[in-house]
Amino acid sequence: MMDHQKRYDGQTEWLESHWEFGFIRILESGRLEMTSAQISRVEVLTGKIETQDNIIRIHFVSKTITNDPRMVSSARRFELEGNSLRYEIEMHTTAVEQSMLHLKIALQRVK
């Protein structure tokens, strides 16, 4: 489970935004499928693993989005390099004419 928080310009406290539960599974074709259940939205995305040098990348694109008529499409990228994990979400909604960066996270493993 991931609990997302947000903070608007000028605010000092974080507010709860939404939560997500999800699963990633390997399909018979070798591609990946990610299912993400949120407060009222469910997304099914497909993707694949790519490696380059010491970097592992997984890029998912939306296949199905239900229970949210505002959503047109979404994409998620994971990138693992050494002890760093980067994660980005792009969203295209009825209010935004093209897919745009929605969330960007960088995590560093602490030993």
PDB file of N, CA and C in Angstrom:
ATOM      1  N   MET A   1       0.848  -1.178   0.000  1.00  0.00           N
ATOM      2  CA  MET A   1       0.000   0.000   0.000  1.00  0.00           C
ATOM      3  C   MET A   1       0.888   1.234   0.000  1.00  0.00           C
ATOM      4  N   MET A   2       0.539   2.201  -0.814  1.00  0.00           N
ATOM      5  CA  MET A   2       1.231   3.487  -0.834  1.00  0.00           C
ATOM      6  C   MET A   2       0.238   4.565  -0.420  1.00  0.00           C
ATOM      7  N   ASP A   3       0.617   5.379   0.531  1.00  0.00           N
ATOM      8  CA  ASP A   3      -0.210   6.483   0.993  1.00  0.00           C
ATOM      9  C   ASP A   3       0.406   7.762   0.444  1.00  0.00           C
ATOM     10  N   HIS A   4      -0.291   8.411  -0.455  1.00  0.00           N
ATOM     11  CA  HIS A   4       0.225   9.626  -1.079  1.00  0.00           C
ATOM     12  C   HIS A   4      -0.226  10.852  -0.300  1.00  0.00           C
ATOM     13  N   GLN A   5       0.670  11.814  -0.182  1.00  0.00           N
ATOM     14  CA  GLN A   5       0.349  13.062   0.485  1.00  0.00           C
ATOM     15  C   GLN A   5       0.654  14.221  -0.457  1.00  0.00           C
ATOM     16  N   LYS A   6       0.018  15.357  -0.203  1.00  0.00           N
ATOM     17  CA  LYS A   6       0.233  16.528  -1.050  1.00  0.00           C
ATOM     18  C   LYS A   6       0.364  17.759  -0.175  1.00  0.00           C
ATOM     19  N   ARG A   7       0.963  18.784  -0.758  1.00  0.00           N
ATOM     20  CA  ARG A   7       1.099  20.064  -0.068  1.00  0.00           C
ATOM     21  C   ARG A   7       0.978  21.149  -1.133  1.00  0.00           C
ATOM     22  N   TYR A   8       0.099  22.069  -0.922  1.00  0.00           N
ATOM     23  CA  TYR A   8      -0.095  23.173  -1.858  1.00  0.00           C
ATOM     24  C   TYR A   8       0.898  24.289  -1.565  1.00  0.00           C
ATOM     25  N   ASP A   9       1.173  25.120  -2.554  1.00  0.00           N
ATOM     26  CA  ASP A   9       2.092  26.255  -2.368  1.00  0.00           C
ATOM     27  C   ASP A   9       1.689  27.059  -1.138  1.00  0.00           C
ATOM     28  N   GLY A  10       2.666  27.366  -0.305  1.00  0.00           N
ATOM     29  CA  GLY A  10       2.423  28.169   0.887  1.00  0.00           C
ATOM     30  C   GLY A  10       2.061  27.359   2.117  1.00  0.00           C
ATOM     31  N   GLN A  11       1.717  26.087   1.941  1.00  0.00           N
ATOM     32  CA  GLN A  11       1.373  25.259   3.097  1.00  0.00           C
ATOM     33  C   GLN A  11       2.628  24.629   3.689  1.00  0.00           C
ATOM     34  N   THR A  12       2.603  24.418   4.994  1.00  0.00           N
ATOM     35  CA  THR A  12       3.737  23.769   5.652  1.00  0.00           C
ATOM     36  C   THR A  12       3.416  22.334   6.048  1.00  0.00           C
ATOM     37  N   GLU A  13       2.131  21.982   6.124  1.00  0.00           N
ATOM     38  CA  GLU A  13       1.745  20.626   6.506  1.00  0.00           C
ATOM     39  C   GLU A  13       1.315  19.820   5.298  1.00  0.00           C
ATOM     40  N   TRP A  14       1.639  18.516   5.332  1.00  0.00           N
ATOM     41  CA  TRP A  14       1.230  17.603   4.265  1.00  0.00           C
ATOM     42  C   TRP A  14      -0.195  17.133   4.526  1.00  0.00           C
ATOM     43  N   LEU A  15      -0.989  17.007   3.481  1.00  0.00           N
ATOM     44  CA  LEU A  15      -2.360  16.531   3.563  1.00  0.00           C
ATOM     45  C   LEU A  15      -2.462  15.178   2.867  1.00  0.00           C
ATOM     46  N   GLU A  16      -3.315  14.308   3.382  1.00  0.00           N
ATOM     47  CA  GLU A  16      -3.505  13.022   2.714  1.00  0.00           C
ATOM     48  C   GLU A  16      -4.157  13.266   1.361  1.00  0.00           C
ATOM     49  N   SER A  17      -3.613  12.648   0.329  1.00  0.00           N
ATOM     50  CA  SER A  17      -4.143  12.795  -1.020  1.00  0.00           C
ATOM     51  C   SER A  17      -4.989  11.573  -1.379  1.00  0.00           C
ATOM     52  N   HIS A  18      -4.350  10.411  -1.424  1.00  0.00           N
ATOM     53  CA  HIS A  18      -5.049   9.170  -1.719  1.00  0.00           C
ATOM     54  C   HIS A  18      -4.130   8.000  -1.394  1.00  0.00           C
ATOM     55  N   TRP A  19      -4.670   6.808  -1.454  1.00  0.00           N
ATOM     56  CA  TRP A  19      -3.871   5.613  -1.251  1.00  0.00           C
ATOM     57  C   TRP A  19      -3.994   4.726  -2.472  1.00  0.00           C
ATOM     58  N   GLU A  20      -3.062   3.806  -2.620  1.00  0.00           N
ATOM     59  CA  GLU A  20      -3.085   2.844  -3.719  1.00  0.00           C
ATOM     60  C   GLU A  20      -2.651   1.479  -3.213  1.00  0.00           C
ATOM     61  N   PHE A  21      -3.309   0.464  -3.709  1.00  0.00           N
ATOM     62  CA  PHE A  21      -2.881  -0.919  -3.552  1.00  0.00           C
ATOM     63  C   PHE A  21      -2.580  -1.428  -4.946  1.00  0.00           C
ATOM     64  N   GLY A  22      -1.578  -2.271  -5.091  1.00  0.00           N
ATOM     65  CA  GLY A  22      -1.293  -2.755  -6.426  1.00  0.00           C
ATOM     66  C   GLY A  22      -0.537  -4.062  -6.444  1.00  0.00           C
ATOM     67  N   PHE A  23      -0.553  -4.658  -7.620  1.00  0.00           N
ATOM     68  CA  PHE A  23       0.141  -5.910  -7.855  1.00  0.00           C
ATOM     69  C   PHE A  23       0.799  -5.851  -9.229  1.00  0.00           C
ATOM     70  N   ILE A  24       1.949  -6.493  -9.333  1.00  0.00           N
ATOM     71  CA  ILE A  24       2.611  -6.655 -10.621  1.00  0.00           C
ATOM     72  C   ILE A  24       2.756  -8.145 -10.864  1.00  0.00           C
ATOM     73  N   ARG A  25       2.378  -8.587 -12.049  1.00  0.00           N
ATOM     74  CA  ARG A  25       2.536 -10.008 -12.372  1.00  0.00           C
ATOM     75  C   ARG A  25       3.160 -10.150 -13.749  1.00  0.00           C
ATOM     76  N   ILE A  26       3.807 -11.281 -13.954  1.00  0.00           N
ATOM     77  CA  ILE A  26       4.420 -11.588 -15.248  1.00  0.00           C
ATOM     78  C   ILE A  26       3.413 -12.374 -16.066  1.00  0.00           C
ATOM     79  N   LEU A  27       3.127 -11.897 -17.278  1.00  0.00           N
ATOM     80  CA  LEU A  27       2.209 -12.578 -18.183  1.00  0.00           C
ATOM     81  C   LEU A  27       2.948 -13.683 -18.931  1.00  0.00           C
ATOM     82  N   GLU A  28       2.216 -14.592 -19.551  1.00  0.00           N
ATOM     83  CA  GLU A  28       2.829 -15.684 -20.309  1.00  0.00           C
ATOM     84  C   GLU A  28       3.730 -15.176 -21.428  1.00  0.00           C
ATOM     85  N   SER A  29       3.425 -14.009 -21.969  1.00  0.00           N
ATOM     86  CA  SER A  29       4.213 -13.426 -23.055  1.00  0.00           C
ATOM     87  C   SER A  29       5.557 -12.876 -22.571  1.00  0.00           C
ATOM     88  N   GLY A  30       5.724 -12.786 -21.235  1.00  0.00           N
ATOM     89  CA  GLY A  30       6.928 -12.201 -20.667  1.00  0.00           C
ATOM     90  C   GLY A  30       6.757 -10.732 -20.320  1.00  0.00           C
ATOM     91  N   ARG A  31       5.674 -10.107 -20.813  1.00  0.00           N
ATOM     92  CA  ARG A  31       5.385  -8.722 -20.450  1.00  0.00           C
ATOM     93  C   ARG A  31       4.858  -8.691 -19.012  1.00  0.00           C
ATOM     94  N   LEU A  32       4.781  -7.500 -18.459  1.00  0.00           N
ATOM     95  CA  LEU A  32       4.299  -7.324 -17.095  1.00  0.00           C
ATOM     96  C   LEU A  32       2.918  -6.677 -17.110  1.00  0.00           C
ATOM     97  N   GLU A  33       2.143  -6.963 -16.087  1.00  0.00           N
ATOM     98  CA  GLU A  33       0.849  -6.310 -15.899  1.00  0.00           C
ATOM     99  C   GLU A  33       0.811  -5.751 -14.488  1.00  0.00           C
ATOM    100  N   MET A  34       0.449  -4.485 -14.379  1.00  0.00           N
ATOM    101  CA  MET A  34       0.327  -3.827 -13.074  1.00  0.00           C
ATOM    102  C   MET A  34      -1.128  -3.449 -12.866  1.00  0.00           C
ATOM    103  N   THR A  35      -1.677  -3.823 -11.717  1.00  0.00           N
ATOM    104  CA  THR A  35      -3.030  -3.443 -11.340  1.00  0.00           C
ATOM    105  C   THR A  35      -2.916  -2.506 -10.151  1.00  0.00           C
ATOM    106  N   SER A  36      -3.539  -1.339 -10.246  1.00  0.00           N
ATOM    107  CA  SER A  36      -3.499  -0.340  -9.186  1.00  0.00           C
ATOM    108  C   SER A  36      -4.928   0.028  -8.803  1.00  0.00           C
ATOM    109  N   ALA A  37      -5.277  -0.230  -7.539  1.00  0.00           N
ATOM    110  CA  ALA A  37      -6.589   0.142  -7.020  1.00  0.00           C
ATOM    111  C   ALA A  37      -6.412   1.360  -6.127  1.00  0.00           C
ATOM    112  N   GLN A  38      -7.149   2.413  -6.420  1.00  0.00           N
ATOM    113  CA  GLN A  38      -7.079   3.650  -5.656  1.00  0.00           C
ATOM    114  C   GLN A  38      -8.434   3.896  -5.005  1.00  0.00           C
ATOM    115  N   ILE A  39      -8.628   5.040  -4.414  1.00  0.00           N
ATOM    116  CA  ILE A  39      -9.861   5.311  -3.680  1.00  0.00           C
ATOM    117  C   ILE A  39     -11.093   5.012  -4.528  1.00  0.00           C
ATOM    118  N   SER A  40     -11.149   5.489  -5.761  1.00  0.00           N
ATOM    119  CA  SER A  40     -12.310   5.193  -6.600  1.00  0.00           C
ATOM    120  C   SER A  40     -11.917   4.739  -7.996  1.00  0.00           C
ATOM    121  N   ARG A  41     -10.647   4.693  -8.305  1.00  0.00           N
ATOM    122  CA  ARG A  41     -10.176   4.371  -9.647  1.00  0.00           C
ATOM    123  C   ARG A  41      -9.406   3.055  -9.632  1.00  0.00           C
ATOM    124  N   VAL A  42      -9.565   2.290 -10.705  1.00  0.00           N
ATOM    125  CA  VAL A  42      -8.769   1.083 -10.903  1.00  0.00           C
ATOM    126  C   VAL A  42      -8.075   1.214 -12.258  1.00  0.00           C
ATOM    127  N   GLU A  43      -6.757   0.957 -12.261  1.00  0.00           N
ATOM    128  CA  GLU A  43      -5.985   1.020 -13.497  1.00  0.00           C
ATOM    129  C   GLU A  43      -5.310  -0.322 -13.741  1.00  0.00           C
ATOM    130  N   VAL A  44      -5.302  -0.741 -14.984  1.00  0.00           N
ATOM    131  CA  VAL A  44      -4.523  -1.897 -15.405  1.00  0.00           C
ATOM    132  C   VAL A  44      -3.553  -1.372 -16.447  1.00  0.00           C
ATOM    133  N   LEU A  45      -2.271  -1.617 -16.207  1.00  0.00           N
ATOM    134  CA  LEU A  45      -1.214  -1.131 -17.097  1.00  0.00           C
ATOM    135  C   LEU A  45      -0.359  -2.313 -17.544  1.00  0.00           C
ATOM    136  N   THR A  46       0.223  -2.211 -18.730  1.00  0.00           N
ATOM    137  CA  THR A  46       1.131  -3.248 -19.197  1.00  0.00           C
ATOM    138  C   THR A  46       2.487  -2.627 -19.471  1.00  0.00           C
ATOM    139  N   GLY A  47       3.521  -3.451 -19.342  1.00  0.00           N
ATOM    140  CA  GLY A  47       4.860  -2.930 -19.549  1.00  0.00           C
ATOM    141  C   GLY A  47       5.882  -4.025 -19.727  1.00  0.00           C
ATOM    142  N   LYS A  48       7.130  -3.591 -19.761  1.00  0.00           N
ATOM    143  CA  LYS A  48       8.214  -4.553 -19.904  1.00  0.00           C
ATOM    144  C   LYS A  48       9.448  -4.049 -19.175  1.00  0.00           C
ATOM    145  N   ILE A  49      10.346  -4.981 -18.905  1.00  0.00           N
ATOM    146  CA  ILE A  49      11.610  -4.673 -18.236  1.00  0.00           C
ATOM    147  C   ILE A  49      12.675  -4.447 -19.299  1.00  0.00           C
ATOM    148  N   GLU A  50      13.440  -3.385 -19.117  1.00  0.00           N
ATOM    149  CA  GLU A  50      14.579  -3.105 -19.994  1.00  0.00           C
ATOM    150  C   GLU A  50      15.803  -2.909 -19.119  1.00  0.00           C
ATOM    151  N   THR A  51      16.946  -3.390 -19.578  1.00  0.00           N
ATOM    152  CA  THR A  51      18.187  -3.176 -18.839  1.00  0.00           C
ATOM    153  C   THR A  51      19.201  -2.503 -19.749  1.00  0.00           C
ATOM    154  N   GLN A  52      19.962  -1.613 -19.168  1.00  0.00           N
ATOM    155  CA  GLN A  52      21.036  -0.918 -19.879  1.00  0.00           C
ATOM    156  C   GLN A  52      22.138  -0.653 -18.869  1.00  0.00           C
ATOM    157  N   ASP A  53      23.323  -1.212 -19.142  1.00  0.00           N
ATOM    158  CA  ASP A  53      24.433  -1.128 -18.195  1.00  0.00           C
ATOM    159  C   ASP A  53      23.953  -1.654 -16.841  1.00  0.00           C
ATOM    160  N   ASN A  54      23.991  -0.860 -15.798  1.00  0.00           N
ATOM    161  CA  ASN A  54      23.555  -1.291 -14.462  1.00  0.00           C
ATOM    162  C   ASN A  54      22.211  -0.696 -14.071  1.00  0.00           C
ATOM    163  N   ILE A  55      21.402  -0.323 -15.059  1.00  0.00           N
ATOM    164  CA  ILE A  55      20.095   0.297 -14.793  1.00  0.00           C
ATOM    165  C   ILE A  55      18.988  -0.661 -15.236  1.00  0.00           C
ATOM    166  N   ILE A  56      18.009  -0.852 -14.360  1.00  0.00           N
ATOM    167  CA  ILE A  56      16.824  -1.652 -14.685  1.00  0.00           C
ATOM    168  C   ILE A  56      15.651  -0.692 -14.796  1.00  0.00           C
ATOM    169  N   ARG A  57      14.949  -0.717 -15.927  1.00  0.00           N
ATOM    170  CA  ARG A  57      13.796   0.167 -16.146  1.00  0.00           C
ATOM    171  C   ARG A  57      12.546  -0.666 -16.418  1.00  0.00           C
ATOM    172  N   ILE A  58      11.445  -0.215 -15.841  1.00  0.00           N
ATOM    173  CA  ILE A  58      10.138  -0.797 -16.155  1.00  0.00           C
ATOM    174  C   ILE A  58       9.237   0.364 -16.550  1.00  0.00           C
ATOM    175  N   HIS A  59       8.655   0.275 -17.737  1.00  0.00           N
ATOM    176  CA  HIS A  59       7.763   1.316 -18.230  1.00  0.00           C
ATOM    177  C   HIS A  59       6.385   0.691 -18.450  1.00  0.00           C
ATOM    178  N   PHE A  60       5.393   1.208 -17.762  1.00  0.00           N
ATOM    179  CA  PHE A  60       4.016   0.738 -17.877  1.00  0.00           C
ATOM    180  C   PHE A  60       3.170   1.803 -18.577  1.00  0.00           C
ATOM    181  N   VAL A  61       2.237   1.382 -19.416  1.00  0.00           N
ATOM    182  CA  VAL A  61       1.246   2.284 -20.007  1.00  0.00           C
ATOM    183  C   VAL A  61      -0.145   1.713 -19.734  1.00  0.00           C
ATOM    184  N   SER A  62      -1.102   2.606 -19.580  1.00  0.00           N
ATOM    185  CA  SER A  62      -2.450   2.181 -19.217  1.00  0.00           C
ATOM    186  C   SER A  62      -3.100   1.382 -20.342  1.00  0.00           C
ATOM    187  N   LYS A  63      -3.782   0.337 -19.912  1.00  0.00           N
ATOM    188  CA  LYS A  63      -4.562  -0.509 -20.814  1.00  0.00           C
ATOM    189  C   LYS A  63      -6.045  -0.276 -20.550  1.00  0.00           C
ATOM    190  N   THR A  64      -6.377  -0.155 -19.255  1.00  0.00           N
ATOM    191  CA  THR A  64      -7.760   0.047 -18.833  1.00  0.00           C
ATOM    192  C   THR A  64      -7.783   0.964 -17.612  1.00  0.00           C
ATOM    193  N   ILE A  65      -8.688   1.939 -17.617  1.00  0.00           N
ATOM    194  CA  ILE A  65      -8.917   2.789 -16.446  1.00  0.00           C
ATOM    195  C   ILE A  65     -10.427   2.809 -16.212  1.00  0.00           C
ATOM    196  N   THR A  66     -10.840   2.451 -14.990  1.00  0.00           N
ATOM    197  CA  THR A  66     -12.280   2.419 -14.700  1.00  0.00           C
ATOM    198  C   THR A  66     -12.612   3.314 -13.508  1.00  0.00           C
ATOM    199  N   ASN A  67     -13.874   3.699 -13.447  1.00  0.00           N
ATOM    200  CA  ASN A  67     -14.449   4.478 -12.340  1.00  0.00           C
ATOM    201  C   ASN A  67     -13.920   5.899 -12.233  1.00  0.00           C
ATOM    202  N   ASP A  68     -13.349   6.446 -13.292  1.00  0.00           N
ATOM    203  CA  ASP A  68     -12.901   7.839 -13.266  1.00  0.00           C
ATOM    204  C   ASP A  68     -12.970   8.405 -14.683  1.00  0.00           C
ATOM    205  N   PRO A  69     -14.097   9.017 -15.044  1.00  0.00           N
ATOM    206  CA  PRO A  69     -14.259   9.521 -16.413  1.00  0.00           C
ATOM    207  C   PRO A  69     -13.304  10.655 -16.771  1.00  0.00           C
ATOM    208  N   ARG A  70     -12.624  11.237 -15.789  1.00  0.00           N
ATOM    209  CA  ARG A  70     -11.650  12.303 -16.074  1.00  0.00           C
ATOM    210  C   ARG A  70     -10.379  11.764 -16.707  1.00  0.00           C
ATOM    211  N   MET A  71     -10.058  10.507 -16.463  1.00  0.00           N
ATOM    212  CA  MET A  71      -8.803   9.915 -16.920  1.00  0.00           C
ATOM    213  C   MET A  71      -8.879   9.479 -18.383  1.00  0.00           C
ATOM    214  N   VAL A  72      -7.865   9.880 -19.157  1.00  0.00           N
ATOM    215  CA  VAL A  72      -7.728   9.443 -20.546  1.00  0.00           C
ATOM    216  C   VAL A  72      -6.674   8.345 -20.627  1.00  0.00           C
ATOM    217  N   SER A  73      -5.500   8.574 -20.032  1.00  0.00           N
ATOM    218  CA  SER A  73      -4.435   7.570 -20.008  1.00  0.00           C
ATOM    219  C   SER A  73      -3.455   7.885 -18.884  1.00  0.00           C
ATOM    220  N   SER A  74      -2.614   6.904 -18.587  1.00  0.00           N
ATOM    221  CA  SER A  74      -1.568   7.106 -17.584  1.00  0.00           C
ATOM    222  C   SER A  74      -0.361   6.248 -17.948  1.00  0.00           C
ATOM    223  N   ALA A  75       0.777   6.600 -17.389  1.00  0.00           N
ATOM    224  CA  ALA A  75       2.006   5.823 -17.582  1.00  0.00           C
ATOM    225  C   ALA A  75       2.806   5.909 -16.293  1.00  0.00           C
ATOM    226  N   ARG A  76       3.549   4.851 -16.020  1.00  0.00           N
ATOM    227  CA  ARG A  76       4.396   4.809 -14.832  1.00  0.00           C
ATOM    228  C   ARG A  76       5.752   4.257 -15.227  1.00  0.00           C
ATOM    229  N   ARG A  77       6.797   4.867 -14.667  1.00  0.00           N
ATOM    230  CA  ARG A  77       8.159   4.419 -14.939  1.00  0.00           C
ATOM    231  C   ARG A  77       8.888   4.177 -13.623  1.00  0.00           C
ATOM    232  N   PHE A  78       9.528   3.032 -13.552  1.00  0.00           N
ATOM    233  CA  PHE A  78      10.390   2.697 -12.428  1.00  0.00           C
ATOM    234  C   PHE A  78      11.801   2.575 -12.985  1.00  0.00           C
ATOM    235  N   GLU A  79      12.783   3.086 -12.260  1.00  0.00           N
ATOM    236  CA  GLU A  79      14.175   2.963 -12.687  1.00  0.00           C
ATOM    237  C   GLU A  79      15.017   2.666 -11.452  1.00  0.00           C
ATOM    238  N   LEU A  80      15.693   1.522 -11.487  1.00  0.00           N
ATOM    239  CA  LEU A  80      16.543   1.096 -10.380  1.00  0.00           C
ATOM    240  C   LEU A  80      17.995   1.141 -10.832  1.00  0.00           C
ATOM    241  N   GLU A  81      18.795   1.923 -10.118  1.00  0.00           N
ATOM    242  CA  GLU A  81      20.218   2.043 -10.412  1.00  0.00           C
ATOM    243  C   GLU A  81      20.975   2.006  -9.089  1.00  0.00           C
ATOM    244  N   GLY A  82      21.674   0.900  -8.842  1.00  0.00           N
ATOM    245  CA  GLY A  82      22.380   0.750  -7.574  1.00  0.00           C
ATOM    246  C   GLY A  82      21.414   0.823  -6.407  1.00  0.00           C
ATOM    247  N   ASN A  83      21.625   1.766  -5.508  1.00  0.00           N
ATOM    248  CA  ASN A  83      20.768   1.946  -4.339  1.00  0.00           C
ATOM    249  C   ASN A  83      19.698   3.022  -4.532  1.00  0.00           C
ATOM    250  N   SER A  84      19.492   3.455  -5.775  1.00  0.00           N
ATOM    251  CA  SER A  84      18.506   4.505  -6.062  1.00  0.00           C
ATOM    252  C   SER A  84      17.324   3.940  -6.845  1.00  0.00           C
ATOM    253  N   LEU A  85      16.129   4.300  -6.419  1.00  0.00           N
ATOM    254  CA  LEU A  85      14.903   3.940  -7.130  1.00  0.00           C
ATOM    255  C   LEU A  85      14.184   5.221  -7.494  1.00  0.00           C
ATOM    256  N   ARG A  86      13.928   5.419  -8.784  1.00  0.00           N
ATOM    257  CA  ARG A  86      13.187   6.581  -9.262  1.00  0.00           C
ATOM    258  C   ARG A  86      11.850   6.095  -9.815  1.00  0.00           C
ATOM    259  N   TYR A  87      10.806   6.914  -9.596  1.00  0.00           N
ATOM    260  CA  TYR A  87       9.444   6.540  -9.969  1.00  0.00           C
ATOM    261  C   TYR A  87       8.744   7.782 -10.489  1.00  0.00           C
ATOM    262  N   GLU A  88       8.123   7.676 -11.659  1.00  0.00           N
ATOM    263  CA  GLU A  88       7.380   8.799 -12.244  1.00  0.00           C
ATOM    264  C   GLU A  88       6.012   8.330 -12.711  1.00  0.00           C
ATOM    265  N   ILE A  89       5.039   9.210 -12.586  1.00  0.00           N
ATOM    266  CA  ILE A  89       3.697   8.964 -13.119  1.00  0.00           C
ATOM    267  C   ILE A  89       3.359  10.102 -14.066  1.00  0.00           C
ATOM    268  N   GLU A  90       2.885   9.747 -15.247  1.00  0.00           N
ATOM    269  CA  GLU A  90       2.334  10.720 -16.194  1.00  0.00           C
ATOM    270  C   GLU A  90       0.842  10.468 -16.301  1.00  0.00           C
ATOM    271  N   MET A  91       0.079  11.550 -16.455  1.00  0.00           N
ATOM    272  CA  MET A  91      -1.366  11.415 -16.601  1.00  0.00           C
ATOM    273  C   MET A  91      -1.868  12.312 -17.728  1.00  0.00           C
ATOM    274  N   HIS A  92      -2.852  11.811 -18.432  1.00  0.00           N
ATOM    275  CA  HIS A  92      -3.583  12.586 -19.436  1.00  0.00           C
ATOM    276  C   HIS A  92      -5.038  12.542 -18.992  1.00  0.00           C
ATOM    277  N   THR A  93      -5.610  13.716 -18.719  1.00  0.00           N
ATOM    278  CA  THR A  93      -6.992  13.797 -18.247  1.00  0.00           C
ATOM    279  C   THR A  93      -7.812  14.647 -19.210  1.00  0.00           C
ATOM    280  N   THR A  94      -9.097  14.693 -18.979  1.00  0.00           N
ATOM    281  CA  THR A  94      -9.963  15.520 -19.822  1.00  0.00           C
ATOM    282  C   THR A  94      -9.653  17.007 -19.642  1.00  0.00           C
ATOM    283  N   ALA A  95      -9.011  17.377 -18.539  1.00  0.00           N
ATOM    284  CA  ALA A  95      -8.653  18.778 -18.283  1.00  0.00           C
ATOM    285  C   ALA A  95      -7.258  19.127 -18.805  1.00  0.00           C
ATOM    286  N   VAL A  96      -6.460  18.121 -19.130  1.00  0.00           N
ATOM    287  CA  VAL A  96      -5.093  18.326 -19.621  1.00  0.00           C
ATOM    288  C   VAL A  96      -4.992  17.681 -20.997  1.00  0.00           C
ATOM    289  N   GLU A  97      -4.618  18.453 -22.010  1.00  0.00           N
ATOM    290  CA  GLU A  97      -4.689  17.995 -23.393  1.00  0.00           C
ATOM    291  C   GLU A  97      -3.692  16.909 -23.779  1.00  0.00           C
ATOM    292  N   GLN A  98      -2.633  16.723 -22.995  1.00  0.00           N
ATOM    293  CA  GLN A  98      -1.644  15.698 -23.324  1.00  0.00           C
ATOM    294  C   GLN A  98      -1.120  15.065 -22.043  1.00  0.00           C
ATOM    295  N   SER A  99      -0.397  13.975 -22.188  1.00  0.00           N
ATOM    296  CA  SER A  99       0.192  13.321 -21.030  1.00  0.00           C
ATOM    297  C   SER A  99       1.260  14.216 -20.422  1.00  0.00           C
ATOM    298  N   MET A 100       1.151  14.442 -19.102  1.00  0.00           N
ATOM    299  CA  MET A 100       2.095  15.331 -18.415  1.00  0.00           C
ATOM    300  C   MET A 100       2.559  14.680 -17.125  1.00  0.00           C
ATOM    301  N   LEU A 101       3.756  15.053 -16.685  1.00  0.00           N
ATOM    302  CA  LEU A 101       4.301  14.549 -15.434  1.00  0.00           C
ATOM    303  C   LEU A 101       3.378  14.944 -14.279  1.00  0.00           C
ATOM    304  N   HIS A 102       3.004  13.960 -13.487  1.00  0.00           N
ATOM    305  CA  HIS A 102       2.090  14.178 -12.364  1.00  0.00           C
ATOM    306  C   HIS A 102       2.805  14.006 -11.023  1.00  0.00           C
ATOM    307  N   LEU A 103       3.751  13.077 -10.974  1.00  0.00           N
ATOM    308  CA  LEU A 103       4.426  12.751  -9.725  1.00  0.00           C
ATOM    309  C   LEU A 103       5.822  12.238 -10.043  1.00  0.00           C
ATOM    310  N   LYS A 104       6.794  12.656  -9.244  1.00  0.00           N
ATOM    311  CA  LYS A 104       8.176  12.201  -9.424  1.00  0.00           C
ATOM    312  C   LYS A 104       8.764  11.947  -8.044  1.00  0.00           C
ATOM    313  N   ILE A 105       9.302  10.738  -7.857  1.00  0.00           N
ATOM    314  CA  ILE A 105       9.837  10.339  -6.563  1.00  0.00           C
ATOM    315  C   ILE A 105      11.237   9.767  -6.767  1.00  0.00           C
ATOM    316  N   ALA A 106      12.148  10.078  -5.858  1.00  0.00           N
ATOM    317  CA  ALA A 106      13.477   9.474  -5.852  1.00  0.00           C
ATOM    318  C   ALA A 106      13.744   8.951  -4.453  1.00  0.00           C
ATOM    319  N   LEU A 107      14.047   7.669  -4.363  1.00  0.00           N
ATOM    320  CA  LEU A 107      14.322   7.029  -3.076  1.00  0.00           C
ATOM    321  C   LEU A 107      15.760   6.536  -3.070  1.00  0.00           C
ATOM    322  N   GLN A 108      16.394   6.648  -1.925  1.00  0.00           N
ATOM    323  CA  GLN A 108      17.780   6.199  -1.764  1.00  0.00           C
ATOM    324  C   GLN A 108      17.818   5.178  -0.639  1.00  0.00           C
ATOM    325  N   ARG A 109      18.396   4.010  -0.898  1.00  0.00           N
ATOM    326  CA  ARG A 109      18.522   2.982   0.137  1.00  0.00           C
ATOM    327  C   ARG A 109      19.488   3.465   1.215  1.00  0.00           C
ATOM    328  N   VAL A 110      19.084   3.299   2.460  1.00  0.00           N
ATOM    329  CA  VAL A 110      19.921   3.657   3.602  1.00  0.00           C
ATOM    330  C   VAL A 110      20.342   2.351   4.263  1.00  0.00           C
ATOM    331  N   LYS A 111      21.629   2.178   4.453  1.00  0.00           N
ATOM    332  CA  LYS A 111      22.121   0.924   5.036  1.00  0.00           C
ATOM    333  C   LYS A 111      22.288   1.048   6.522  1.00  0.00           C
TER     334      LYS A 111
END
